């Protein structure tokens, strides 16, 4: 059964409102078995003009998932390589914020995908 886990730094700093949004989204999603999926939650632009996309990473496989120079594309327009300092256990979903290079924020929340 898929479980929701917060990385330790997230656990310490996340607001109660954001936690509730994440948990609510997680509880509504049907995650297919044996897949890695990304569910965007919200987007913002920081003071550097970078695009921040907070997402749920779903690992419904039977192996740990690591991002090591993994190409992620957002909204079919912007992509970047990401290496995460953690791995995601099997049958686990975890929130994460991907920070893309300077890019204007799309009008609506787009889709994230791992590019092979």
N, C-alpha and C. Protein backbone atom coordinates (compact mmCIF):
# COMPACT_ATOMS: atom_id res chain seq x y z
N UNK A 1 0.84 -1.19 0.00
CA UNK A 1 0.00 0.00 0.00
C UNK A 1 0.88 1.25 0.00
N UNK A 2 0.55 2.19 -0.83
CA UNK A 2 1.30 3.43 -0.96
C UNK A 2 1.19 4.25 0.32
N UNK A 3 2.32 4.82 0.76
CA UNK A 3 2.29 5.66 1.95
C UNK A 3 2.91 7.02 1.63
N UNK A 4 2.49 8.04 2.35
CA UNK A 4 3.00 9.39 2.19
C UNK A 4 4.04 9.64 3.27
N UNK A 5 5.23 10.10 2.84
CA UNK A 5 6.33 10.37 3.77
C UNK A 5 6.86 11.76 3.49
N UNK A 6 7.20 12.49 4.55
CA UNK A 6 7.83 13.80 4.42
C UNK A 6 9.29 13.68 4.79
N UNK A 7 10.17 14.18 3.92
CA UNK A 7 11.60 14.23 4.21
C UNK A 7 11.79 15.03 5.48
N UNK A 8 12.83 14.75 6.27
CA UNK A 8 12.98 15.31 7.61
C UNK A 8 12.96 16.84 7.62
N UNK A 9 13.59 17.49 6.65
CA UNK A 9 13.58 18.96 6.63
C UNK A 9 12.18 19.50 6.32
N UNK A 10 11.46 18.79 5.47
CA UNK A 10 10.07 19.18 5.22
C UNK A 10 9.25 19.02 6.49
N UNK A 11 9.47 17.92 7.17
CA UNK A 11 8.72 17.63 8.41
C UNK A 11 8.86 18.78 9.40
N UNK A 12 10.04 19.38 9.45
CA UNK A 12 10.32 20.45 10.41
C UNK A 12 9.78 21.81 9.98
N UNK A 13 9.64 22.04 8.67
CA UNK A 13 9.35 23.40 8.21
C UNK A 13 8.00 23.60 7.52
N UNK A 14 7.33 22.54 7.16
CA UNK A 14 6.09 22.68 6.40
C UNK A 14 4.98 23.28 7.26
N UNK A 15 4.21 24.17 6.66
CA UNK A 15 3.08 24.76 7.38
C UNK A 15 1.96 23.73 7.49
N UNK A 16 1.11 23.89 8.46
CA UNK A 16 -0.02 22.97 8.63
C UNK A 16 -0.95 23.04 7.43
N UNK A 17 -1.14 24.24 6.89
CA UNK A 17 -1.99 24.41 5.72
C UNK A 17 -1.44 23.64 4.51
N UNK A 18 -0.13 23.75 4.26
CA UNK A 18 0.47 23.03 3.15
C UNK A 18 0.43 21.52 3.37
N UNK A 19 0.66 21.10 4.60
CA UNK A 19 0.59 19.66 4.92
C UNK A 19 -0.81 19.13 4.60
N UNK A 20 -1.82 19.86 4.98
CA UNK A 20 -3.19 19.42 4.72
C UNK A 20 -3.49 19.33 3.23
N UNK A 21 -2.98 20.31 2.45
CA UNK A 21 -3.17 20.28 0.99
C UNK A 21 -2.50 19.04 0.40
N UNK A 22 -1.28 18.76 0.84
CA UNK A 22 -0.54 17.61 0.32
C UNK A 22 -1.25 16.32 0.69
N UNK A 23 -1.65 16.18 1.95
CA UNK A 23 -2.33 14.96 2.39
C UNK A 23 -3.65 14.78 1.66
N UNK A 24 -4.39 15.86 1.46
CA UNK A 24 -5.66 15.78 0.75
C UNK A 24 -5.45 15.32 -0.70
N UNK A 25 -4.48 15.89 -1.37
CA UNK A 25 -4.19 15.47 -2.75
C UNK A 25 -3.76 14.01 -2.79
N UNK A 26 -2.87 13.62 -1.89
CA UNK A 26 -2.40 12.24 -1.84
C UNK A 26 -3.57 11.27 -1.66
N UNK A 27 -4.50 11.60 -0.79
CA UNK A 27 -5.63 10.71 -0.51
C UNK A 27 -6.60 10.58 -1.68
N UNK A 28 -6.58 11.54 -2.61
CA UNK A 28 -7.48 11.52 -3.76
C UNK A 28 -6.89 10.82 -4.99
N UNK A 29 -5.58 10.60 -5.00
CA UNK A 29 -4.91 10.09 -6.20
C UNK A 29 -4.91 8.57 -6.23
N UNK A 30 -5.20 8.04 -7.42
CA UNK A 30 -5.08 6.61 -7.66
C UNK A 30 -3.74 6.40 -8.34
N UNK A 31 -2.81 5.77 -7.68
CA UNK A 31 -1.45 5.60 -8.19
C UNK A 31 -1.32 4.19 -8.77
N UNK A 32 -1.09 4.10 -10.09
CA UNK A 32 -0.93 2.78 -10.72
C UNK A 32 0.29 2.05 -10.15
N UNK A 33 0.18 0.74 -10.05
CA UNK A 33 1.30 -0.07 -9.56
C UNK A 33 2.47 -0.04 -10.53
N UNK A 34 3.66 -0.20 -9.96
CA UNK A 34 4.90 -0.36 -10.72
C UNK A 34 5.22 0.83 -11.62
N UNK A 35 4.91 2.03 -11.13
CA UNK A 35 5.20 3.23 -11.90
C UNK A 35 5.83 4.30 -11.01
N UNK A 36 6.49 5.24 -11.68
CA UNK A 36 6.94 6.46 -11.03
C UNK A 36 6.13 7.58 -11.67
N UNK A 37 5.45 8.36 -10.84
CA UNK A 37 4.62 9.45 -11.36
C UNK A 37 4.90 10.70 -10.56
N UNK A 38 4.67 11.83 -11.21
CA UNK A 38 4.85 13.13 -10.57
C UNK A 38 3.51 13.87 -10.63
N UNK A 39 3.04 14.33 -9.48
CA UNK A 39 1.79 15.07 -9.41
C UNK A 39 2.09 16.49 -8.95
N UNK A 40 1.97 17.50 -9.85
CA UNK A 40 2.23 18.87 -9.43
C UNK A 40 1.17 19.35 -8.44
N UNK A 41 1.62 20.09 -7.43
CA UNK A 41 0.72 20.61 -6.41
C UNK A 41 0.51 22.12 -6.57
N UNK A 42 1.60 22.87 -6.69
CA UNK A 42 1.52 24.31 -6.90
C UNK A 42 2.83 24.81 -7.48
N UNK A 43 2.81 26.04 -7.98
CA UNK A 43 3.99 26.64 -8.59
C UNK A 43 4.16 28.06 -8.09
N UNK A 44 5.39 28.55 -8.18
CA UNK A 44 5.70 29.92 -7.77
C UNK A 44 6.99 30.34 -8.47
N UNK A 45 7.27 31.62 -8.43
CA UNK A 45 8.54 32.14 -8.91
C UNK A 45 9.23 32.80 -7.73
N UNK A 46 10.51 32.48 -7.52
CA UNK A 46 11.23 33.07 -6.38
C UNK A 46 11.87 34.40 -6.77
N UNK A 47 12.59 35.01 -5.83
CA UNK A 47 13.21 36.31 -6.05
C UNK A 47 14.28 36.31 -7.13
N UNK A 48 14.79 35.13 -7.49
CA UNK A 48 15.79 35.01 -8.56
C UNK A 48 15.14 34.80 -9.93
N UNK A 49 13.81 34.70 -9.96
CA UNK A 49 13.11 34.44 -11.21
C UNK A 49 13.05 32.97 -11.57
N UNK A 50 13.46 32.10 -10.63
CA UNK A 50 13.41 30.66 -10.87
C UNK A 50 11.99 30.15 -10.65
N UNK A 51 11.63 29.16 -11.42
CA UNK A 51 10.30 28.56 -11.32
C UNK A 51 10.35 27.40 -10.33
N UNK A 52 9.56 27.47 -9.28
CA UNK A 52 9.48 26.43 -8.27
C UNK A 52 8.19 25.65 -8.46
N UNK A 53 8.31 24.35 -8.61
CA UNK A 53 7.13 23.51 -8.80
C UNK A 53 7.14 22.45 -7.70
N UNK A 54 6.20 22.58 -6.78
CA UNK A 54 6.08 21.60 -5.70
C UNK A 54 5.21 20.46 -6.21
N UNK A 55 5.69 19.26 -5.97
CA UNK A 55 5.05 18.07 -6.53
C UNK A 55 5.05 16.92 -5.54
N UNK A 56 4.24 15.94 -5.80
CA UNK A 56 4.34 14.66 -5.11
C UNK A 56 5.04 13.69 -6.05
N UNK A 57 6.11 13.10 -5.57
CA UNK A 57 6.80 12.05 -6.33
C UNK A 57 6.25 10.73 -5.83
N UNK A 58 5.68 9.94 -6.73
CA UNK A 58 5.10 8.65 -6.37
C UNK A 58 6.00 7.54 -6.89
N UNK A 59 6.49 6.71 -6.00
CA UNK A 59 7.26 5.52 -6.39
C UNK A 59 6.43 4.30 -6.01
N UNK A 60 5.69 3.76 -6.96
CA UNK A 60 4.86 2.58 -6.66
C UNK A 60 5.54 1.31 -7.15
N UNK A 61 6.86 1.39 -7.36
CA UNK A 61 7.62 0.21 -7.77
C UNK A 61 8.07 -0.56 -6.53
N UNK A 62 8.80 -1.63 -6.76
CA UNK A 62 9.33 -2.43 -5.65
C UNK A 62 10.79 -2.12 -5.35
N UNK A 63 11.30 -1.04 -5.93
CA UNK A 63 12.69 -0.65 -5.70
C UNK A 63 12.77 0.80 -5.27
N UNK A 64 13.83 1.14 -4.54
CA UNK A 64 14.05 2.54 -4.16
C UNK A 64 14.27 3.37 -5.41
N UNK A 65 13.88 4.62 -5.34
CA UNK A 65 13.99 5.55 -6.46
C UNK A 65 14.97 6.65 -6.11
N UNK A 66 15.95 6.85 -6.98
CA UNK A 66 16.91 7.93 -6.81
C UNK A 66 16.87 8.82 -8.03
N UNK A 67 17.04 10.12 -7.82
CA UNK A 67 17.18 11.06 -8.92
C UNK A 67 18.65 11.44 -8.96
N UNK A 68 19.35 11.01 -10.01
CA UNK A 68 20.77 11.33 -10.17
C UNK A 68 20.95 11.85 -11.60
N UNK A 69 21.03 13.17 -11.73
CA UNK A 69 21.05 13.80 -13.05
C UNK A 69 19.88 13.34 -13.90
N UNK A 70 18.71 13.34 -13.28
CA UNK A 70 17.48 12.92 -13.94
C UNK A 70 16.82 14.14 -14.58
N UNK A 71 16.50 14.02 -15.85
CA UNK A 71 15.88 15.14 -16.57
C UNK A 71 14.38 15.16 -16.29
N UNK A 72 13.91 16.31 -15.81
CA UNK A 72 12.49 16.50 -15.53
C UNK A 72 12.01 17.67 -16.37
N UNK A 73 10.86 17.48 -17.01
CA UNK A 73 10.28 18.51 -17.87
C UNK A 73 8.99 19.00 -17.24
N UNK A 74 8.77 20.32 -17.34
CA UNK A 74 7.55 20.91 -16.80
C UNK A 74 6.79 21.62 -17.92
N UNK A 75 5.55 21.30 -18.04
CA UNK A 75 4.64 21.98 -18.95
C UNK A 75 5.12 21.91 -20.40
N UNK A 76 5.83 20.84 -20.75
CA UNK A 76 6.37 20.63 -22.10
C UNK A 76 7.23 21.78 -22.61
N UNK A 77 7.72 22.63 -21.68
CA UNK A 77 8.50 23.79 -22.12
C UNK A 77 9.85 23.93 -21.44
N UNK A 78 9.91 23.67 -20.18
CA UNK A 78 11.15 23.90 -19.44
C UNK A 78 11.61 22.58 -18.83
N UNK A 79 12.92 22.32 -18.93
CA UNK A 79 13.44 21.09 -18.35
C UNK A 79 14.79 21.36 -17.72
N UNK A 80 15.14 20.50 -16.78
CA UNK A 80 16.41 20.62 -16.07
C UNK A 80 16.78 19.25 -15.52
N UNK A 81 18.07 19.12 -15.17
CA UNK A 81 18.56 17.89 -14.54
C UNK A 81 18.50 18.06 -13.03
N UNK A 82 18.06 17.00 -12.34
CA UNK A 82 17.93 17.05 -10.89
C UNK A 82 18.61 15.85 -10.24
N UNK A 83 19.29 16.12 -9.16
CA UNK A 83 19.84 15.09 -8.28
C UNK A 83 19.29 15.38 -6.90
N UNK A 84 18.55 14.43 -6.34
CA UNK A 84 17.96 14.63 -5.01
C UNK A 84 18.88 14.02 -3.96
N UNK A 85 18.98 14.65 -2.79
CA UNK A 85 19.85 14.15 -1.73
C UNK A 85 19.29 12.95 -0.97
N UNK A 86 18.15 12.48 -1.40
CA UNK A 86 17.48 11.35 -0.73
C UNK A 86 17.02 10.36 -1.79
N UNK A 87 16.68 9.16 -1.35
CA UNK A 87 16.00 8.21 -2.25
C UNK A 87 14.60 8.00 -1.69
N UNK A 88 13.72 7.58 -2.55
CA UNK A 88 12.33 7.37 -2.17
C UNK A 88 12.07 5.87 -2.13
N UNK A 89 11.67 5.40 -0.98
CA UNK A 89 11.44 3.97 -0.77
C UNK A 89 10.34 3.44 -1.68
N UNK A 90 10.33 2.13 -1.89
CA UNK A 90 9.24 1.51 -2.66
C UNK A 90 7.88 1.80 -2.02
N UNK A 91 6.87 1.91 -2.85
CA UNK A 91 5.49 2.12 -2.40
C UNK A 91 5.36 3.37 -1.52
N UNK A 92 6.10 4.42 -1.91
CA UNK A 92 6.13 5.65 -1.12
C UNK A 92 5.93 6.87 -2.01
N UNK A 93 5.21 7.84 -1.50
CA UNK A 93 5.06 9.14 -2.14
C UNK A 93 5.68 10.17 -1.23
N UNK A 94 6.33 11.18 -1.85
CA UNK A 94 7.01 12.21 -1.06
C UNK A 94 6.89 13.55 -1.78
N UNK A 95 6.58 14.62 -1.03
CA UNK A 95 6.57 15.93 -1.66
C UNK A 95 7.99 16.42 -1.89
N UNK A 96 8.16 17.18 -2.97
CA UNK A 96 9.46 17.77 -3.29
C UNK A 96 9.22 19.00 -4.15
N UNK A 97 10.10 19.97 -4.04
CA UNK A 97 10.02 21.15 -4.90
C UNK A 97 11.17 21.13 -5.90
N UNK A 98 10.82 21.10 -7.17
CA UNK A 98 11.80 21.19 -8.24
C UNK A 98 11.99 22.65 -8.58
N UNK A 99 13.24 23.09 -8.67
CA UNK A 99 13.55 24.48 -8.99
C UNK A 99 14.17 24.52 -10.38
N UNK A 100 13.43 25.13 -11.31
CA UNK A 100 13.89 25.23 -12.68
C UNK A 100 14.58 26.58 -12.89
N UNK A 101 15.51 26.64 -13.84
CA UNK A 101 16.19 27.91 -14.12
C UNK A 101 15.18 29.02 -14.43
N UNK A 102 15.66 30.22 -14.40
CA UNK A 102 14.81 31.39 -14.61
C UNK A 102 13.82 31.14 -15.75
N UNK A 103 12.55 31.29 -15.41
CA UNK A 103 11.50 31.00 -16.38
C UNK A 103 10.21 31.65 -15.88
N UNK A 104 9.46 32.30 -16.77
CA UNK A 104 8.18 32.88 -16.33
C UNK A 104 7.21 31.80 -15.88
N UNK A 105 6.38 32.15 -14.94
CA UNK A 105 5.42 31.18 -14.42
C UNK A 105 4.27 31.01 -15.41
N UNK A 106 3.96 29.76 -15.79
CA UNK A 106 2.80 29.53 -16.67
C UNK A 106 1.52 30.00 -15.98
N UNK A 107 0.52 30.33 -16.79
CA UNK A 107 -0.74 30.82 -16.24
C UNK A 107 -1.44 29.80 -15.37
N UNK A 108 -1.31 28.52 -15.74
CA UNK A 108 -1.95 27.48 -14.94
C UNK A 108 -0.94 26.39 -14.64
N UNK A 109 -1.25 25.59 -13.65
CA UNK A 109 -0.38 24.50 -13.23
C UNK A 109 -0.24 23.49 -14.36
N UNK A 110 0.99 23.16 -14.72
CA UNK A 110 1.25 22.25 -15.82
C UNK A 110 1.55 20.84 -15.34
N UNK A 111 2.05 20.03 -16.24
CA UNK A 111 2.38 18.65 -15.93
C UNK A 111 3.89 18.48 -15.83
N UNK A 112 4.32 17.61 -14.95
CA UNK A 112 5.72 17.24 -14.80
C UNK A 112 5.92 15.83 -15.32
N UNK A 113 7.06 15.62 -15.97
CA UNK A 113 7.36 14.25 -16.38
C UNK A 113 8.87 14.05 -16.40
N UNK A 114 9.24 12.81 -16.17
CA UNK A 114 10.64 12.42 -16.26
C UNK A 114 10.91 12.12 -17.72
N UNK A 115 11.97 12.71 -18.25
CA UNK A 115 12.33 12.51 -19.64
C UNK A 115 13.43 11.47 -19.71
N UNK A 116 13.17 10.42 -20.44
CA UNK A 116 14.14 9.33 -20.58
C UNK A 116 15.24 9.70 -21.53
